[in-house]
Structures are given as C-alpha cells and as structure tokens.
C-alpha cells in the first residue's frame, strides 16, 4: 500500500518543546503545524486504519522562490533550498504529527528521504510506502 499526502503552504519543521520550569509543552505554532499535517493526513487516509508494517517515507518540501531571485536567475539557480530548517527537523515533525493517523508509531519508519527545493507553489509532498522484505 502507498499513500500520498500534499500539504499546501510553506513547509514546517519540528520545534524544540518549551518549558515553564515545571512542565514541557509544544508552542502554539508547533500545535498548529501538527494539526495541519494531521488534517491532510486524515483526509488522505479516510477510514483506513494506521499502517502496521515497516515504512519508507519520502518528503519533498517546496519553499517559495526568494523575491531577490529574478525569474531569469532562477533558470541558472540549482533550485535546492539550503537554508534552515534542516531536513531532519521537517522529518521529525511529519513523524510525530502522523502517529496514530498514518502509522501506529513513527518507529515503523525504516527508511526516509527528505528533499528541500524551491518552487512556484510552496507545499510539502509526503509519500509513504510499506517496505516489503
């Protein structure tokens, strides 16, 4: 089985949990990012229960072109987004947000690949496939 999820808008990354000295908690932005991912994942899954098998996850995070890069310069630009956030933090957010929706637990992910690029339409594309032995 394979699942494809597209989340419109600028890609988001995992943020370190905050603390008030007694309790650790997610920031409001982190909660909103997780809820957004969960919504689109739920739409893609429909009534299908969370996957139980080992999984391969591929993420293509597409950021908007910087305004400083003219359309002419874009033609010669390498097209990769090399700024922050790091690709592993994008993966951490996806892994955490899709628990109990797409997979039972993100520990089932045995293989992942994150690509960060520029594009005209910012979005995050997540492809999930069961790994067959």
C-alpha atoms as a PDB file:
ATOM      1  CA  UNK A   1       0.000   0.000   0.000  1.00  0.00           C
ATOM      2  CA  UNK A   2       1.219   3.527  -0.700  1.00  0.00           C
ATOM      3  CA  UNK A   3      -0.183   6.859   0.447  1.00  0.00           C
ATOM      4  CA  UNK A   4       0.449  10.340  -0.937  1.00  0.00           C
ATOM      5  CA  UNK A   5      -0.288  13.462   1.093  1.00  0.00           C
ATOM      6  CA  UNK A   6       0.100  17.067  -0.080  1.00  0.00           C
ATOM      7  CA  UNK A   7       0.068  19.878   2.459  1.00  0.00           C
ATOM      8  CA  UNK A   8      -0.312  23.323   0.843  1.00  0.00           C
ATOM      9  CA  UNK A   9       1.739  26.248   2.105  1.00  0.00           C
ATOM     10  CA  UNK A  10       5.285  26.803   3.254  1.00  0.00           C
ATOM     11  CA  UNK A  11       6.864  23.648   4.784  1.00  0.00           C
ATOM     12  CA  UNK A  12       7.168  23.476   8.571  1.00  0.00           C
ATOM     13  CA  UNK A  13       9.730  21.859  10.840  1.00  0.00           C
ATOM     14  CA  UNK A  14       9.753  20.368  14.307  1.00  0.00           C
ATOM     15  CA  UNK A  15      10.418  22.872  17.094  1.00  0.00           C
ATOM     16  CA  UNK A  16      12.016  22.100  20.421  1.00  0.00           C
ATOM     17  CA  UNK A  17       9.453  21.743  23.226  1.00  0.00           C
ATOM     18  CA  UNK A  18       9.151  24.740  25.549  1.00  0.00           C
ATOM     19  CA  UNK A  19       9.185  24.614  29.337  1.00  0.00           C
ATOM     20  CA  UNK A  20       7.927  26.842  32.119  1.00  0.00           C
ATOM     21  CA  UNK A  21      10.297  25.186  34.617  1.00  0.00           C
ATOM     22  CA  UNK A  22       7.793  22.531  35.656  1.00  0.00           C
ATOM     23  CA  UNK A  23       6.044  21.347  32.506  1.00  0.00           C
ATOM     24  CA  UNK A  24       7.254  20.784  28.936  1.00  0.00           C
ATOM     25  CA  UNK A  25       4.816  21.794  26.205  1.00  0.00           C
ATOM     26  CA  UNK A  26       4.603  22.466  22.470  1.00  0.00           C
ATOM     27  CA  UNK A  27       4.400  26.076  21.296  1.00  0.00           C
ATOM     28  CA  UNK A  28       1.186  27.315  19.702  1.00  0.00           C
ATOM     29  CA  UNK A  29       2.913  27.267  16.298  1.00  0.00           C
ATOM     30  CA  UNK A  30       4.015  23.665  16.796  1.00  0.00           C
ATOM     31  CA  UNK A  31       0.465  22.622  17.748  1.00  0.00           C
ATOM     32  CA  UNK A  32      -0.937  24.362  14.655  1.00  0.00           C
ATOM     33  CA  UNK A  33       1.662  22.729  12.373  1.00  0.00           C
ATOM     34  CA  UNK A  34       0.852  19.274  13.782  1.00  0.00           C
ATOM     35  CA  UNK A  35      -2.884  19.882  13.446  1.00  0.00           C
ATOM     36  CA  UNK A  36      -2.446  20.987   9.829  1.00  0.00           C
ATOM     37  CA  UNK A  37      -0.445  17.850   8.956  1.00  0.00           C
ATOM     38  CA  UNK A  38      -2.908  15.645  10.831  1.00  0.00           C
ATOM     39  CA  UNK A  39      -5.874  17.160   8.960  1.00  0.00           C
ATOM     40  CA  UNK A  40      -4.463  16.489   5.474  1.00  0.00           C
ATOM     41  CA  UNK A  41      -3.200  13.045   6.518  1.00  0.00           C
ATOM     42  CA  UNK A  42      -6.645  12.179   7.862  1.00  0.00           C
ATOM     43  CA  UNK A  43      -8.188  13.264   4.565  1.00  0.00           C
ATOM     44  CA  UNK A  44      -5.749  11.043   2.649  1.00  0.00           C
ATOM     45  CA  UNK A  45      -6.289   8.032   4.924  1.00  0.00           C
ATOM     46  CA  UNK A  46     -10.078   8.233   5.004  1.00  0.00           C
ATOM     47  CA  UNK A  47     -11.356   5.307   7.064  1.00  0.00           C
ATOM     48  CA  UNK A  48      -8.168   3.250   6.603  1.00  0.00           C
ATOM     49  CA  UNK A  49      -6.607   2.288   9.964  1.00  0.00           C
ATOM     50  CA  UNK A  50      -2.991   3.265  10.715  1.00  0.00           C
ATOM     51  CA  UNK A  51      -0.394   1.144   8.945  1.00  0.00           C
ATOM     52  CA  UNK A  52       1.413  -1.553  10.935  1.00  0.00           C
ATOM     53  CA  UNK A  53       4.237  -2.550   8.541  1.00  0.00           C
ATOM     54  CA  UNK A  54       7.769  -1.158   8.230  1.00  0.00           C
ATOM     55  CA  UNK A  55       7.568   2.035   6.167  1.00  0.00           C
ATOM     56  CA  UNK A  56       9.539   4.119   3.698  1.00  0.00           C
ATOM     57  CA  UNK A  57       8.800   7.855   3.745  1.00  0.00           C
ATOM     58  CA  UNK A  58       9.801  10.380   1.091  1.00  0.00           C
ATOM     59  CA  UNK A  59       9.249  14.088   1.701  1.00  0.00           C
ATOM     60  CA  UNK A  60       9.621  16.846  -0.876  1.00  0.00           C
ATOM     61  CA  UNK A  61       9.497  20.222   0.884  1.00  0.00           C
ATOM     62  CA  UNK A  62       8.970  23.054  -1.591  1.00  0.00           C
ATOM     63  CA  UNK A  63       9.702  26.607  -0.449  1.00  0.00           C
ATOM     64  CA  UNK A  64       8.741  29.768  -2.367  1.00  0.00           C
ATOM     65  CA  UNK A  65      11.457  31.320  -4.508  1.00  0.00           C
ATOM     66  CA  UNK A  66      13.100  34.289  -2.777  1.00  0.00           C
ATOM     67  CA  UNK A  67      11.945  37.634  -4.135  1.00  0.00           C
ATOM     68  CA  UNK A  68      15.603  38.580  -4.625  1.00  0.00           C
ATOM     69  CA  UNK A  69      15.957  35.862  -7.280  1.00  0.00           C
ATOM     70  CA  UNK A  70      14.508  37.084 -10.574  1.00  0.00           C
ATOM     71  CA  UNK A  71      12.778  34.624 -12.949  1.00  0.00           C
ATOM     72  CA  UNK A  72      15.806  34.879 -15.229  1.00  0.00           C
ATOM     73  CA  UNK A  73      18.235  33.996 -12.411  1.00  0.00           C
ATOM     74  CA  UNK A  74      16.015  31.088 -11.347  1.00  0.00           C
ATOM     75  CA  UNK A  75      16.853  29.369 -14.630  1.00  0.00           C
ATOM     76  CA  UNK A  76      20.526  29.111 -13.660  1.00  0.00           C
ATOM     77  CA  UNK A  77      19.992  28.516  -9.921  1.00  0.00           C
ATOM     78  CA  UNK A  78      20.491  24.949  -8.644  1.00  0.00           C
ATOM     79  CA  UNK A  79      16.946  25.020  -7.207  1.00  0.00           C
ATOM     80  CA  UNK A  80      17.774  23.446  -3.831  1.00  0.00           C
ATOM     81  CA  UNK A  81      16.695  25.178  -0.624  1.00  0.00           C
ATOM     82  CA  UNK A  82      19.834  25.117   1.530  1.00  0.00           C
ATOM     83  CA  UNK A  83      18.621  27.306   4.401  1.00  0.00           C
ATOM     84  CA  UNK A  84      17.016  26.444   7.691  1.00  0.00           C
ATOM     85  CA  UNK A  85      15.095  24.483   8.778  1.00  0.00           C
ATOM     86  CA  UNK A  86      17.125  21.322   8.464  1.00  0.00           C
ATOM     87  CA  UNK A  87      15.599  18.418   6.555  1.00  0.00           C
ATOM     88  CA  UNK A  88      15.739  16.158   9.616  1.00  0.00           C
ATOM     89  CA  UNK A  89      13.544  18.626  11.537  1.00  0.00           C
ATOM     90  CA  UNK A  90      10.978  18.537   8.719  1.00  0.00           C
ATOM     91  CA  UNK A  91      11.034  14.730   9.032  1.00  0.00           C
ATOM     92  CA  UNK A  92      10.678  14.871  12.841  1.00  0.00           C
ATOM     93  CA  UNK A  93       7.516  16.971  12.582  1.00  0.00           C
ATOM     94  CA  UNK A  94       5.989  14.650   9.984  1.00  0.00           C
ATOM     95  CA  UNK A  95       6.939  11.566  12.009  1.00  0.00           C
ATOM     96  CA  UNK A  96       5.431  12.947  15.197  1.00  0.00           C
ATOM     97  CA  UNK A  97       2.299  14.504  13.678  1.00  0.00           C
ATOM     98  CA  UNK A  98       1.195  11.410  11.752  1.00  0.00           C
ATOM     99  CA  UNK A  99       1.355   8.952  14.672  1.00  0.00           C
ATOM    100  CA  UNK A 100      -1.944   7.061  15.059  1.00  0.00           C
ATOM    101  CA  UNK A 101      -3.200   8.557  11.774  1.00  0.00           C
ATOM    102  CA  UNK A 102      -0.988   7.142   9.017  1.00  0.00           C
ATOM    103  CA  UNK A 103       1.170   4.796  11.091  1.00  0.00           C
ATOM    104  CA  UNK A 104       0.846   3.363  14.567  1.00  0.00           C
ATOM    105  CA  UNK A 105       4.185   4.894  15.620  1.00  0.00           C
ATOM    106  CA  UNK A 106       6.963   6.698  13.767  1.00  0.00           C
ATOM    107  CA  UNK A 107       9.397   3.982  14.911  1.00  0.00           C
ATOM    108  CA  UNK A 108       7.967   1.976  11.977  1.00  0.00           C
ATOM    109  CA  UNK A 109       9.821   4.271   9.567  1.00  0.00           C
ATOM    110  CA  UNK A 110      12.849   2.265   8.483  1.00  0.00           C
ATOM    111  CA  UNK A 111      13.808   4.457   5.551  1.00  0.00           C
ATOM    112  CA  UNK A 112      13.300   8.150   4.847  1.00  0.00           C
ATOM    113  CA  UNK A 113      14.445  10.741   2.355  1.00  0.00           C
ATOM    114  CA  UNK A 114      13.883  14.499   2.539  1.00  0.00           C
ATOM    115  CA  UNK A 115      14.424  16.837  -0.420  1.00  0.00           C
ATOM    116  CA  UNK A 116      14.285  20.630   0.067  1.00  0.00           C
ATOM    117  CA  UNK A 117      13.735  22.675  -3.093  1.00  0.00           C
ATOM    118  CA  UNK A 118      12.365  25.989  -4.338  1.00  0.00           C
ATOM    119  CA  UNK A 119       9.194  26.127  -6.386  1.00  0.00           C
ATOM    120  CA  UNK A 120       6.418  28.419  -7.561  1.00  0.00           C
ATOM    121  CA  UNK A 121       3.822  26.758  -5.347  1.00  0.00           C
ATOM    122  CA  UNK A 122       5.012  26.127  -1.750  1.00  0.00           C
ATOM    123  CA  UNK A 123       3.862  22.796  -0.338  1.00  0.00           C
ATOM    124  CA  UNK A 124       5.015  19.583   1.311  1.00  0.00           C
ATOM    125  CA  UNK A 125       4.542  16.293  -0.515  1.00  0.00           C
ATOM    126  CA  UNK A 126       4.733  13.136   1.596  1.00  0.00           C
ATOM    127  CA  UNK A 127       4.840   9.673   0.023  1.00  0.00           C
ATOM    128  CA  UNK A 128       4.575   6.638   2.289  1.00  0.00           C
ATOM    129  CA  UNK A 129       5.064   3.047   1.173  1.00  0.00           C
ATOM    130  CA  UNK A 130       5.193  -0.247   3.022  1.00  0.00           C
ATOM    131  CA  UNK A 131       8.601  -1.894   2.875  1.00  0.00           C
ATOM    132  CA  UNK A 132       8.363  -5.459   1.682  1.00  0.00           C
ATOM    133  CA  UNK A 133      11.026  -7.925   2.771  1.00  0.00           C
END
